[in-house]
N, C-alpha and C. Protein backbone atom coordinates (compact mmCIF):
# COMPACT_ATOMS: atom_id res chain seq x y z
N GLN A 1 19.60 -4.73 17.88
CA GLN A 1 18.39 -5.17 18.55
C GLN A 1 17.21 -4.92 17.62
N ALA A 2 16.36 -5.91 17.43
CA ALA A 2 15.18 -5.80 16.58
C ALA A 2 14.15 -4.91 17.25
N VAL A 3 13.40 -4.17 16.43
CA VAL A 3 12.34 -3.29 16.92
C VAL A 3 11.04 -3.75 16.29
N ALA A 4 10.01 -3.95 17.09
CA ALA A 4 8.71 -4.41 16.60
C ALA A 4 8.01 -3.30 15.82
N ALA A 5 7.15 -3.70 14.90
CA ALA A 5 6.37 -2.74 14.12
C ALA A 5 5.30 -2.10 14.99
N THR A 6 4.98 -0.85 14.69
CA THR A 6 3.88 -0.14 15.35
C THR A 6 2.94 0.36 14.27
N ASP A 7 1.91 1.10 14.67
CA ASP A 7 0.99 1.66 13.68
C ASP A 7 1.68 2.66 12.76
N ASN A 8 2.70 3.33 13.26
CA ASN A 8 3.35 4.39 12.50
C ASN A 8 4.67 3.98 11.86
N PHE A 9 5.26 2.87 12.28
CA PHE A 9 6.58 2.49 11.79
C PHE A 9 6.65 1.01 11.45
N LEU A 10 7.47 0.69 10.45
CA LEU A 10 7.71 -0.70 10.09
C LEU A 10 8.67 -1.34 11.09
N ALA A 11 8.67 -2.65 11.13
CA ALA A 11 9.61 -3.36 12.00
C ALA A 11 11.03 -3.17 11.49
N ILE A 12 11.97 -3.13 12.40
CA ILE A 12 13.39 -3.03 12.04
C ILE A 12 14.05 -4.34 12.45
N PRO A 13 14.61 -5.06 11.47
CA PRO A 13 15.25 -6.33 11.82
C PRO A 13 16.49 -6.11 12.68
N GLU A 14 16.95 -7.19 13.29
CA GLU A 14 18.11 -7.10 14.16
C GLU A 14 19.34 -6.62 13.40
N TYR A 15 19.49 -7.06 12.19
CA TYR A 15 20.60 -6.59 11.37
C TYR A 15 20.14 -6.50 9.93
N THR A 16 20.81 -5.68 9.17
CA THR A 16 20.50 -5.49 7.76
C THR A 16 21.77 -5.69 6.96
N THR A 17 21.69 -6.44 5.89
CA THR A 17 22.83 -6.63 5.01
C THR A 17 22.71 -5.64 3.86
N VAL A 18 23.72 -4.83 3.67
CA VAL A 18 23.73 -3.86 2.59
C VAL A 18 24.27 -4.55 1.35
N GLU A 19 23.52 -4.44 0.26
CA GLU A 19 23.97 -5.06 -0.98
C GLU A 19 24.95 -4.12 -1.68
N THR A 20 26.12 -4.61 -1.96
CA THR A 20 27.16 -3.85 -2.66
C THR A 20 27.56 -4.65 -3.90
N PRO A 21 28.26 -4.04 -4.84
CA PRO A 21 28.71 -4.81 -6.02
C PRO A 21 29.53 -6.06 -5.65
N MET A 22 30.18 -6.03 -4.51
CA MET A 22 31.00 -7.18 -4.10
C MET A 22 30.15 -8.39 -3.70
N ASN A 23 28.94 -8.17 -3.16
CA ASN A 23 28.14 -9.30 -2.71
C ASN A 23 26.84 -9.47 -3.51
N MET A 24 26.71 -8.80 -4.65
CA MET A 24 25.52 -8.93 -5.49
C MET A 24 25.56 -10.22 -6.29
N SER A 25 24.37 -10.69 -6.63
CA SER A 25 24.29 -11.82 -7.55
C SER A 25 24.76 -11.33 -8.92
N PRO A 26 25.21 -12.22 -9.80
CA PRO A 26 25.65 -11.78 -11.13
C PRO A 26 24.57 -11.00 -11.89
N ALA A 27 23.32 -11.41 -11.78
CA ALA A 27 22.24 -10.70 -12.48
C ALA A 27 22.06 -9.29 -11.91
N ASN A 28 22.05 -9.16 -10.59
CA ASN A 28 21.91 -7.84 -9.97
C ASN A 28 23.11 -6.96 -10.28
N LYS A 29 24.30 -7.55 -10.29
CA LYS A 29 25.50 -6.78 -10.59
C LYS A 29 25.47 -6.27 -12.03
N ALA A 30 25.04 -7.11 -12.97
CA ALA A 30 24.94 -6.69 -14.37
C ALA A 30 23.94 -5.54 -14.52
N HIS A 31 22.80 -5.64 -13.82
CA HIS A 31 21.81 -4.57 -13.87
C HIS A 31 22.37 -3.29 -13.26
N PHE A 32 23.03 -3.40 -12.13
CA PHE A 32 23.63 -2.25 -11.45
C PHE A 32 24.65 -1.57 -12.36
N GLU A 33 25.51 -2.35 -13.00
CA GLU A 33 26.55 -1.79 -13.87
C GLU A 33 25.94 -1.11 -15.10
N SER A 34 24.91 -1.72 -15.70
CA SER A 34 24.29 -1.11 -16.87
C SER A 34 23.54 0.16 -16.50
N GLU A 35 22.90 0.17 -15.34
CA GLU A 35 22.21 1.37 -14.86
C GLU A 35 23.21 2.49 -14.62
N LYS A 36 24.32 2.15 -14.00
CA LYS A 36 25.36 3.14 -13.72
C LYS A 36 25.91 3.73 -15.02
N GLU A 37 26.15 2.88 -16.02
CA GLU A 37 26.67 3.35 -17.30
C GLU A 37 25.65 4.23 -18.01
N ALA A 38 24.37 3.84 -17.98
CA ALA A 38 23.32 4.64 -18.62
C ALA A 38 23.22 6.02 -17.99
N ILE A 39 23.26 6.09 -16.67
CA ILE A 39 23.21 7.38 -15.98
C ILE A 39 24.41 8.23 -16.36
N HIS A 40 25.58 7.62 -16.41
CA HIS A 40 26.80 8.35 -16.78
C HIS A 40 26.68 8.92 -18.20
N LEU A 41 26.20 8.11 -19.14
CA LEU A 41 26.05 8.58 -20.52
C LEU A 41 25.06 9.73 -20.62
N ILE A 42 23.96 9.62 -19.91
CA ILE A 42 22.96 10.70 -19.94
C ILE A 42 23.56 11.98 -19.37
N LEU A 43 24.20 11.89 -18.21
CA LEU A 43 24.72 13.09 -17.55
C LEU A 43 25.84 13.75 -18.33
N THR A 44 26.63 12.97 -19.07
CA THR A 44 27.73 13.58 -19.83
C THR A 44 27.27 14.21 -21.13
N GLU A 45 26.06 13.87 -21.59
CA GLU A 45 25.60 14.38 -22.88
C GLU A 45 24.56 15.49 -22.80
N ILE A 46 24.08 15.81 -21.62
CA ILE A 46 23.05 16.84 -21.51
C ILE A 46 23.67 18.17 -21.09
N GLY A 47 22.94 19.23 -21.34
CA GLY A 47 23.41 20.55 -20.96
C GLY A 47 23.08 20.89 -19.52
N ASP A 48 23.63 22.01 -19.07
CA ASP A 48 23.43 22.44 -17.68
C ASP A 48 21.95 22.70 -17.37
N LYS A 49 21.22 23.22 -18.34
CA LYS A 49 19.81 23.55 -18.13
C LYS A 49 19.01 22.28 -17.81
N ILE A 50 19.28 21.21 -18.53
CA ILE A 50 18.58 19.95 -18.31
C ILE A 50 19.11 19.25 -17.07
N TYR A 51 20.40 19.39 -16.79
CA TYR A 51 21.01 18.70 -15.65
C TYR A 51 20.28 19.02 -14.36
N SER A 52 19.91 20.26 -14.16
CA SER A 52 19.24 20.63 -12.91
C SER A 52 17.90 19.92 -12.75
N THR A 53 17.28 19.54 -13.87
CA THR A 53 16.01 18.83 -13.81
C THR A 53 16.20 17.35 -13.50
N VAL A 54 17.20 16.72 -14.10
CA VAL A 54 17.38 15.28 -13.94
C VAL A 54 18.25 14.91 -12.74
N ASP A 55 18.85 15.89 -12.10
CA ASP A 55 19.76 15.62 -10.98
C ASP A 55 19.08 14.86 -9.85
N ALA A 56 17.81 15.10 -9.64
CA ALA A 56 17.09 14.45 -8.54
C ALA A 56 16.59 13.05 -8.91
N CYS A 57 16.67 12.67 -10.17
CA CYS A 57 16.19 11.36 -10.60
C CYS A 57 17.07 10.25 -10.05
N GLN A 58 16.46 9.13 -9.71
CA GLN A 58 17.18 8.01 -9.12
C GLN A 58 17.63 6.97 -10.15
N THR A 59 16.95 6.90 -11.29
CA THR A 59 17.28 5.88 -12.29
C THR A 59 17.45 6.53 -13.66
N ALA A 60 18.08 5.79 -14.56
CA ALA A 60 18.25 6.27 -15.93
C ALA A 60 16.88 6.44 -16.60
N LYS A 61 15.95 5.55 -16.29
CA LYS A 61 14.60 5.64 -16.86
C LYS A 61 13.92 6.94 -16.44
N GLU A 62 14.02 7.29 -15.16
CA GLU A 62 13.44 8.54 -14.68
C GLU A 62 14.09 9.73 -15.39
N MET A 63 15.41 9.68 -15.56
CA MET A 63 16.12 10.75 -16.25
C MET A 63 15.63 10.89 -17.68
N TRP A 64 15.53 9.75 -18.37
CA TRP A 64 15.12 9.76 -19.77
C TRP A 64 13.70 10.33 -19.91
N GLU A 65 12.80 9.93 -19.04
CA GLU A 65 11.43 10.44 -19.09
C GLU A 65 11.39 11.94 -18.82
N ALA A 66 12.20 12.43 -17.89
CA ALA A 66 12.25 13.86 -17.61
C ALA A 66 12.78 14.62 -18.82
N ILE A 67 13.81 14.08 -19.47
CA ILE A 67 14.37 14.73 -20.66
C ILE A 67 13.33 14.73 -21.78
N GLU A 68 12.62 13.62 -21.96
CA GLU A 68 11.57 13.58 -22.99
C GLU A 68 10.51 14.65 -22.74
N ARG A 69 10.10 14.81 -21.48
CA ARG A 69 9.10 15.85 -21.17
C ARG A 69 9.63 17.23 -21.52
N LEU A 70 10.89 17.49 -21.19
CA LEU A 70 11.48 18.79 -21.52
C LEU A 70 11.57 18.99 -23.02
N GLN A 71 11.96 17.96 -23.74
CA GLN A 71 12.10 18.07 -25.19
C GLN A 71 10.76 18.25 -25.88
N GLN A 72 9.70 17.63 -25.35
CA GLN A 72 8.37 17.82 -25.93
C GLN A 72 7.98 19.29 -25.84
N GLY A 73 8.26 19.90 -24.71
CA GLY A 73 7.97 21.32 -24.56
C GLY A 73 8.78 22.16 -25.51
N GLU A 74 10.05 21.79 -25.70
CA GLU A 74 10.92 22.53 -26.60
C GLU A 74 10.47 22.36 -28.04
N THR A 75 10.09 21.14 -28.42
CA THR A 75 9.62 20.89 -29.78
C THR A 75 8.37 21.69 -30.05
N PHE A 76 7.45 21.72 -29.09
CA PHE A 76 6.23 22.50 -29.24
C PHE A 76 6.57 23.97 -29.41
N SER A 77 7.48 24.48 -28.61
CA SER A 77 7.86 25.88 -28.69
C SER A 77 8.47 26.19 -30.05
N ASN A 78 9.34 25.31 -30.55
CA ASN A 78 9.96 25.52 -31.86
C ASN A 78 8.92 25.48 -32.96
N SER A 79 7.96 24.56 -32.88
CA SER A 79 6.90 24.46 -33.88
C SER A 79 6.03 25.71 -33.86
N LYS A 80 5.70 26.16 -32.67
CA LYS A 80 4.88 27.36 -32.53
C LYS A 80 5.61 28.57 -33.09
N LEU A 81 6.89 28.68 -32.80
CA LEU A 81 7.70 29.78 -33.33
C LEU A 81 7.74 29.73 -34.85
N HIS A 82 7.90 28.54 -35.41
CA HIS A 82 7.93 28.38 -36.86
C HIS A 82 6.62 28.85 -37.48
N CYS A 83 5.50 28.51 -36.88
CA CYS A 83 4.19 28.94 -37.38
C CYS A 83 4.05 30.46 -37.34
N VAL A 84 4.48 31.05 -36.25
CA VAL A 84 4.40 32.51 -36.10
C VAL A 84 5.26 33.19 -37.14
N LEU A 85 6.48 32.70 -37.34
CA LEU A 85 7.39 33.31 -38.31
C LEU A 85 6.88 33.10 -39.74
N SER A 86 6.21 32.00 -40.01
CA SER A 86 5.69 31.71 -41.35
C SER A 86 4.57 32.67 -41.72
N GLN A 87 3.82 33.12 -40.73
CA GLN A 87 2.68 33.99 -40.98
C GLN A 87 3.11 35.42 -41.26
N GLU A 88 4.32 35.77 -40.88
CA GLU A 88 4.75 37.17 -41.06
C GLU A 88 5.19 37.44 -42.46
């Protein structure tokens, strides 16, 4: 049964079709498969410390951006450490 929209909620249609790989268009299926593969590659190559950060990400792009942010901090820390050690 369809539900009308209110000020607080969106309308709910009578029925919703869930898109699965079986009923996706070829373009959507190709995108879905490449996204799935990218996420798999990222998750298999990162360490446990990074995994806890990217686990909540929904897309490979979000994961990659989170990893880049972490690596920038690590690079800065390594550079700072190198400067400190050079001065001693």
